[in-house]
Amino acid sequence: MAIRMIVLIGYPLLREGAREVGRDELASSERQRFIDDLVETMFDASGAGIASHQVYRPIRVAAI
């Protein structure tokens, strides 16, 4: 697992739409590793939630 860089407020990516993630893609080992990274990043930042957009990935995935 890895802690990812978080986008700062005002970064243009935060205003873009996110691509939907299908069931098969969500179940892939690559996507599961990304979700693990997302959760680890959220805990490292003492957050209550984080969206994939906040770590430079415009897909519809969030951790709460």
N, C-alpha and C. Protein backbone atom coordinates (compact mmCIF):
# COMPACT_ATOMS: atom_id res chain seq x y z
N MET A 1 0.85 -1.18 0.00
CA MET A 1 0.00 0.00 0.00
C MET A 1 0.88 1.24 0.00
N ALA A 2 0.33 2.31 -0.50
CA ALA A 2 1.09 3.55 -0.61
C ALA A 2 0.21 4.75 -0.29
N ILE A 3 0.83 5.74 0.30
CA ILE A 3 0.14 6.99 0.55
C ILE A 3 0.30 7.85 -0.69
N ARG A 4 -0.80 8.35 -1.20
CA ARG A 4 -0.80 9.12 -2.44
C ARG A 4 -0.84 10.62 -2.14
N MET A 5 -0.35 11.40 -3.09
CA MET A 5 -0.38 12.86 -2.96
C MET A 5 -1.82 13.33 -3.10
N ILE A 6 -2.21 14.30 -2.28
CA ILE A 6 -3.57 14.84 -2.31
C ILE A 6 -3.58 16.16 -3.08
N VAL A 7 -4.57 16.30 -3.96
CA VAL A 7 -4.74 17.52 -4.76
C VAL A 7 -5.12 18.68 -3.84
N LEU A 8 -4.57 19.83 -4.12
CA LEU A 8 -4.90 21.02 -3.34
C LEU A 8 -6.16 21.68 -3.88
N ILE A 9 -6.87 22.38 -3.02
CA ILE A 9 -8.08 23.11 -3.41
C ILE A 9 -7.74 24.06 -4.56
N GLY A 10 -8.60 24.08 -5.56
CA GLY A 10 -8.40 24.95 -6.71
C GLY A 10 -7.79 24.25 -7.91
N TYR A 11 -7.31 23.01 -7.73
CA TYR A 11 -6.73 22.27 -8.85
C TYR A 11 -7.84 21.94 -9.84
N PRO A 12 -7.64 22.20 -11.14
CA PRO A 12 -8.69 22.01 -12.15
C PRO A 12 -9.31 20.61 -12.19
N LEU A 13 -8.56 19.58 -11.88
CA LEU A 13 -9.08 18.21 -11.91
C LEU A 13 -10.29 18.04 -11.00
N LEU A 14 -10.32 18.79 -9.91
CA LEU A 14 -11.42 18.67 -8.96
C LEU A 14 -12.76 19.11 -9.54
N ARG A 15 -12.74 19.87 -10.62
CA ARG A 15 -13.98 20.35 -11.25
C ARG A 15 -14.42 19.46 -12.41
N GLU A 16 -13.61 18.48 -12.79
CA GLU A 16 -13.95 17.60 -13.90
C GLU A 16 -14.87 16.47 -13.45
N GLY A 17 -15.58 15.90 -14.40
CA GLY A 17 -16.42 14.74 -14.11
C GLY A 17 -15.58 13.49 -13.89
N ALA A 18 -16.16 12.52 -13.23
CA ALA A 18 -15.46 11.27 -12.95
C ALA A 18 -16.05 10.14 -13.79
N ARG A 19 -15.20 9.25 -14.24
CA ARG A 19 -15.62 8.10 -15.02
C ARG A 19 -16.20 7.04 -14.10
N GLU A 20 -17.30 6.45 -14.54
CA GLU A 20 -17.93 5.39 -13.77
C GLU A 20 -17.05 4.14 -13.79
N VAL A 21 -17.06 3.39 -12.70
CA VAL A 21 -16.28 2.16 -12.59
C VAL A 21 -17.24 0.97 -12.60
N GLY A 22 -17.04 0.05 -13.53
CA GLY A 22 -17.89 -1.12 -13.63
C GLY A 22 -17.57 -2.16 -12.57
N ARG A 23 -18.47 -3.09 -12.38
CA ARG A 23 -18.32 -4.14 -11.37
C ARG A 23 -17.04 -4.96 -11.59
N ASP A 24 -16.76 -5.34 -12.85
CA ASP A 24 -15.57 -6.14 -13.14
C ASP A 24 -14.30 -5.36 -12.85
N GLU A 25 -14.28 -4.09 -13.25
CA GLU A 25 -13.11 -3.26 -12.98
C GLU A 25 -12.91 -3.07 -11.48
N LEU A 26 -13.99 -2.86 -10.76
CA LEU A 26 -13.92 -2.66 -9.32
C LEU A 26 -13.36 -3.89 -8.61
N ALA A 27 -13.64 -5.06 -9.15
CA ALA A 27 -13.17 -6.31 -8.54
C ALA A 27 -11.74 -6.67 -8.92
N SER A 28 -11.13 -5.95 -9.85
CA SER A 28 -9.78 -6.28 -10.29
C SER A 28 -8.76 -6.03 -9.17
N SER A 29 -7.67 -6.77 -9.20
CA SER A 29 -6.64 -6.61 -8.16
C SER A 29 -5.99 -5.23 -8.24
N GLU A 30 -5.85 -4.68 -9.44
CA GLU A 30 -5.28 -3.34 -9.58
C GLU A 30 -6.17 -2.29 -8.90
N ARG A 31 -7.48 -2.38 -9.13
CA ARG A 31 -8.40 -1.42 -8.54
C ARG A 31 -8.47 -1.60 -7.02
N GLN A 32 -8.39 -2.83 -6.54
CA GLN A 32 -8.42 -3.08 -5.10
C GLN A 32 -7.18 -2.50 -4.43
N ARG A 33 -6.01 -2.59 -5.10
CA ARG A 33 -4.79 -1.96 -4.56
C ARG A 33 -4.97 -0.45 -4.48
N PHE A 34 -5.59 0.14 -5.51
CA PHE A 34 -5.85 1.58 -5.49
C PHE A 34 -6.75 1.95 -4.31
N ILE A 35 -7.80 1.16 -4.08
CA ILE A 35 -8.71 1.43 -2.96
C ILE A 35 -7.98 1.32 -1.63
N ASP A 36 -7.11 0.33 -1.50
CA ASP A 36 -6.28 0.22 -0.28
C ASP A 36 -5.43 1.47 -0.09
N ASP A 37 -4.82 1.96 -1.19
CA ASP A 37 -4.02 3.19 -1.13
C ASP A 37 -4.89 4.38 -0.72
N LEU A 38 -6.11 4.44 -1.27
CA LEU A 38 -7.01 5.53 -0.97
C LEU A 38 -7.36 5.56 0.52
N VAL A 39 -7.65 4.40 1.09
CA VAL A 39 -7.97 4.31 2.52
C VAL A 39 -6.74 4.69 3.36
N GLU A 40 -5.58 4.18 2.99
CA GLU A 40 -4.36 4.51 3.73
C GLU A 40 -4.07 6.02 3.67
N THR A 41 -4.27 6.63 2.51
CA THR A 41 -4.07 8.07 2.34
C THR A 41 -5.04 8.85 3.21
N MET A 42 -6.29 8.41 3.25
CA MET A 42 -7.30 9.07 4.08
C MET A 42 -6.90 9.04 5.56
N PHE A 43 -6.48 7.87 6.05
CA PHE A 43 -6.07 7.76 7.45
C PHE A 43 -4.83 8.61 7.74
N ASP A 44 -3.87 8.63 6.80
CA ASP A 44 -2.66 9.41 6.99
C ASP A 44 -2.97 10.91 7.10
N ALA A 45 -4.00 11.35 6.37
CA ALA A 45 -4.39 12.77 6.40
C ALA A 45 -5.39 13.07 7.51
N SER A 46 -5.67 12.08 8.37
CA SER A 46 -6.64 12.23 9.45
C SER A 46 -8.00 12.66 8.92
N GLY A 47 -8.36 12.10 7.78
CA GLY A 47 -9.63 12.47 7.16
C GLY A 47 -10.75 11.51 7.52
N ALA A 48 -11.98 11.97 7.27
CA ALA A 48 -13.16 11.14 7.48
C ALA A 48 -13.64 10.54 6.16
N GLY A 49 -13.09 11.02 5.06
CA GLY A 49 -13.45 10.52 3.75
C GLY A 49 -12.54 11.12 2.70
N ILE A 50 -12.44 10.43 1.56
CA ILE A 50 -11.62 10.93 0.46
C ILE A 50 -12.16 10.35 -0.84
N ALA A 51 -12.13 11.15 -1.88
CA ALA A 51 -12.57 10.70 -3.20
C ALA A 51 -11.35 10.52 -4.10
N SER A 52 -11.49 9.66 -5.07
CA SER A 52 -10.36 9.38 -5.96
C SER A 52 -9.87 10.63 -6.68
N HIS A 53 -10.76 11.58 -6.95
CA HIS A 53 -10.35 12.84 -7.58
C HIS A 53 -9.27 13.53 -6.75
N GLN A 54 -9.34 13.38 -5.45
CA GLN A 54 -8.40 14.06 -4.57
C GLN A 54 -7.00 13.47 -4.62
N VAL A 55 -6.84 12.32 -5.29
CA VAL A 55 -5.52 11.73 -5.45
C VAL A 55 -5.21 11.54 -6.94
N TYR A 56 -5.72 12.48 -7.74
CA TYR A 56 -5.43 12.57 -9.18
C TYR A 56 -5.99 11.41 -10.01
N ARG A 57 -7.08 10.77 -9.58
CA ARG A 57 -7.71 9.69 -10.35
C ARG A 57 -9.17 10.03 -10.59
N PRO A 58 -9.54 10.46 -11.80
CA PRO A 58 -10.92 10.86 -12.07
C PRO A 58 -11.86 9.67 -12.32
N ILE A 59 -12.03 8.84 -11.30
CA ILE A 59 -12.97 7.73 -11.37
C ILE A 59 -13.92 7.83 -10.17
N ARG A 60 -15.08 7.19 -10.26
CA ARG A 60 -16.07 7.29 -9.19
C ARG A 60 -15.80 6.26 -8.09
N VAL A 61 -14.85 6.59 -7.23
CA VAL A 61 -14.51 5.75 -6.08
C VAL A 61 -14.26 6.69 -4.91
N ALA A 62 -14.79 6.35 -3.76
CA ALA A 62 -14.58 7.15 -2.55
C ALA A 62 -14.47 6.23 -1.35
N ALA A 63 -13.77 6.68 -0.33
CA ALA A 63 -13.64 5.95 0.93
C ALA A 63 -14.19 6.83 2.03
N ILE A 64 -14.98 6.25 2.91
CA ILE A 64 -15.56 7.01 4.02
C ILE A 64 -15.29 6.26 5.32
